Amino acid sequence: MKVLVTGATGFVGRHIVERLMADGHQVTGLSRSASGPDQVSGDVTTGEGLAGAVAGVDAVIHLVGIIRERGRPEVQRRACARHAERADRD
């Protein structure tokens, strides 16, 4: 199964990616600064790179955590939902 993991470089994400790969899944990590062959660049807060990242995947595991919150939390939740809907349509 092809799986995209947002937050793949975080504490939880690293462990999830490791387990998925051990179970034989093809895993791609989404991060703002992709640094490896199994990572793609993207930003869930702006939507940049999401359409390309979700193209052809079977599942998405969304593990992005907000370390330093800017703005109101409900605004950020709506923005993430909007980007997810947009990526789903593309």
C-alpha atoms as a PDB file:
ATOM      1  CA  MET A   1       0.000   0.000   0.000  1.00  0.00           C
ATOM      2  CA  LYS A   2       1.239   3.529  -0.803  1.00  0.00           C
ATOM      3  CA  VAL A   3       0.988   5.711   2.286  1.00  0.00           C
ATOM      4  CA  LEU A   4       1.650   9.431   2.743  1.00  0.00           C
ATOM      5  CA  VAL A   5       2.551  10.463   6.287  1.00  0.00           C
ATOM      6  CA  THR A   6       2.373  14.116   7.278  1.00  0.00           C
ATOM      7  CA  GLY A   7       4.544  14.875  10.273  1.00  0.00           C
ATOM      8  CA  ALA A   8       6.783  11.950   9.318  1.00  0.00           C
ATOM      9  CA  THR A   9       9.867  13.591  10.805  1.00  0.00           C
ATOM     10  CA  GLY A  10       8.267  14.141  14.215  1.00  0.00           C
ATOM     11  CA  PHE A  11       8.511  11.909  17.253  1.00  0.00           C
ATOM     12  CA  VAL A  12       5.381   9.851  16.543  1.00  0.00           C
ATOM     13  CA  GLY A  13       5.757  10.070  12.763  1.00  0.00           C
ATOM     14  CA  ARG A  14       9.226   8.520  12.749  1.00  0.00           C
ATOM     15  CA  HIS A  15       7.936   5.480  14.598  1.00  0.00           C
ATOM     16  CA  ILE A  16       4.853   5.120  12.392  1.00  0.00           C
ATOM     17  CA  VAL A  17       6.978   5.354   9.232  1.00  0.00           C
ATOM     18  CA  GLU A  18       9.398   2.764  10.586  1.00  0.00           C
ATOM     19  CA  ARG A  19       6.576   0.332  11.355  1.00  0.00           C
ATOM     20  CA  LEU A  20       4.799   0.865   8.029  1.00  0.00           C
ATOM     21  CA  MET A  21       8.007   0.219   6.122  1.00  0.00           C
ATOM     22  CA  ALA A  22       8.754  -2.872   8.209  1.00  0.00           C
ATOM     23  CA  ASP A  23       5.292  -4.140   7.276  1.00  0.00           C
ATOM     24  CA  GLY A  24       6.126  -3.716   3.579  1.00  0.00           C
ATOM     25  CA  HIS A  25       4.270  -0.501   2.772  1.00  0.00           C
ATOM     26  CA  GLN A  26       5.635   2.117   0.397  1.00  0.00           C
ATOM     27  CA  VAL A  27       5.844   5.233   2.578  1.00  0.00           C
ATOM     28  CA  THR A  28       6.391   8.862   1.640  1.00  0.00           C
ATOM     29  CA  GLY A  29       6.820  11.542   4.276  1.00  0.00           C
ATOM     30  CA  LEU A  30       5.560  15.091   3.799  1.00  0.00           C
ATOM     31  CA  SER A  31       7.615  17.853   5.388  1.00  0.00           C
ATOM     32  CA  ARG A  32       8.318  21.518   4.817  1.00  0.00           C
ATOM     33  CA  SER A  33      11.937  20.692   4.087  1.00  0.00           C
ATOM     34  CA  ALA A  34      12.113  17.296   2.420  1.00  0.00           C
ATOM     35  CA  SER A  35      15.552  15.852   3.056  1.00  0.00           C
ATOM     36  CA  GLY A  36      15.453  12.300   1.809  1.00  0.00           C
ATOM     37  CA  PRO A  37      14.461  10.151  -1.133  1.00  0.00           C
ATOM     38  CA  ASP A  38      11.271   9.031   0.598  1.00  0.00           C
ATOM     39  CA  GLN A  39      10.113  12.571   1.408  1.00  0.00           C
ATOM     40  CA  VAL A  40       8.256  15.239  -0.505  1.00  0.00           C
ATOM     41  CA  SER A  41       8.102  18.926   0.243  1.00  0.00           C
ATOM     42  CA  GLY A  42       4.777  20.406   1.307  1.00  0.00           C
ATOM     43  CA  ASP A  43       3.052  22.568   3.882  1.00  0.00           C
ATOM     44  CA  VAL A  44      -0.325  21.658   5.350  1.00  0.00           C
ATOM     45  CA  THR A  45      -0.881  25.212   6.606  1.00  0.00           C
ATOM     46  CA  THR A  46      -0.637  26.771   3.128  1.00  0.00           C
ATOM     47  CA  GLY A  47      -1.607  23.777   0.990  1.00  0.00           C
ATOM     48  CA  GLU A  48       1.619  24.038  -1.002  1.00  0.00           C
ATOM     49  CA  GLY A  49       2.609  20.652  -2.417  1.00  0.00           C
ATOM     50  CA  LEU A  50      -0.396  18.732  -1.072  1.00  0.00           C
ATOM     51  CA  ALA A  51      -2.035  17.911  -4.399  1.00  0.00           C
ATOM     52  CA  GLY A  52       1.155  16.358  -5.718  1.00  0.00           C
ATOM     53  CA  ALA A  53       1.852  14.578  -2.452  1.00  0.00           C
ATOM     54  CA  VAL A  54      -1.513  12.814  -2.290  1.00  0.00           C
ATOM     55  CA  ALA A  55      -1.563  11.861  -5.980  1.00  0.00           C
ATOM     56  CA  GLY A  56      -1.498   8.088  -6.295  1.00  0.00           C
ATOM     57  CA  VAL A  57      -1.482   7.224  -2.591  1.00  0.00           C
ATOM     58  CA  ASP A  58      -3.852   4.733  -1.031  1.00  0.00           C
ATOM     59  CA  ALA A  59      -3.893   6.292   2.426  1.00  0.00           C
ATOM     60  CA  VAL A  60      -2.838   9.408   4.315  1.00  0.00           C
ATOM     61  CA  ILE A  61      -1.830   9.412   7.963  1.00  0.00           C
ATOM     62  CA  HIS A  62      -2.004  12.974   9.252  1.00  0.00           C
ATOM     63  CA  LEU A  63       0.325  13.500  12.213  1.00  0.00           C
ATOM     64  CA  VAL A  64       1.221  17.176  11.942  1.00  0.00           C
ATOM     65  CA  GLY A  65       1.421  18.789  15.348  1.00  0.00           C
ATOM     66  CA  ILE A  66       1.460  22.495  16.019  1.00  0.00           C
ATOM     67  CA  ILE A  67       4.568  23.322  18.005  1.00  0.00           C
ATOM     68  CA  ARG A  68       4.182  27.088  18.040  1.00  0.00           C
ATOM     69  CA  GLU A  69       0.625  28.143  17.428  1.00  0.00           C
ATOM     70  CA  ARG A  70       0.019  31.346  15.515  1.00  0.00           C
ATOM     71  CA  GLY A  71      -3.439  32.762  15.227  1.00  0.00           C
ATOM     72  CA  ARG A  72      -6.634  31.245  16.502  1.00  0.00           C
ATOM     73  CA  PRO A  73      -6.823  27.432  16.639  1.00  0.00           C
ATOM     74  CA  GLU A  74     -10.194  27.246  14.859  1.00  0.00           C
ATOM     75  CA  VAL A  75      -8.757  29.209  11.929  1.00  0.00           C
ATOM     76  CA  GLN A  76      -5.917  26.717  11.609  1.00  0.00           C
ATOM     77  CA  ARG A  77      -8.304  23.744  11.785  1.00  0.00           C
ATOM     78  CA  ARG A  78     -10.463  25.228   9.023  1.00  0.00           C
ATOM     79  CA  ALA A  79      -7.378  25.895   6.875  1.00  0.00           C
ATOM     80  CA  CYS A  80      -6.188  22.283   7.222  1.00  0.00           C
ATOM     81  CA  ALA A  81      -9.669  20.984   6.394  1.00  0.00           C
ATOM     82  CA  ARG A  82      -9.864  23.238   3.328  1.00  0.00           C
ATOM     83  CA  HIS A  83      -6.495  22.017   2.049  1.00  0.00           C
ATOM     84  CA  ALA A  84      -7.462  18.387   2.611  1.00  0.00           C
ATOM     85  CA  GLU A  85     -10.709  18.859   0.669  1.00  0.00           C
ATOM     86  CA  ARG A  86      -8.867  20.622  -2.139  1.00  0.00           C
ATOM     87  CA  ALA A  87      -6.259  17.832  -2.336  1.00  0.00           C
ATOM     88  CA  ASP A  88      -9.059  15.240  -2.389  1.00  0.00           C
ATOM     89  CA  ARG A  89     -10.659  16.931  -5.408  1.00  0.00           C
ATOM     90  CA  ASP A  90      -7.356  17.080  -7.302  1.00  0.00           C
END
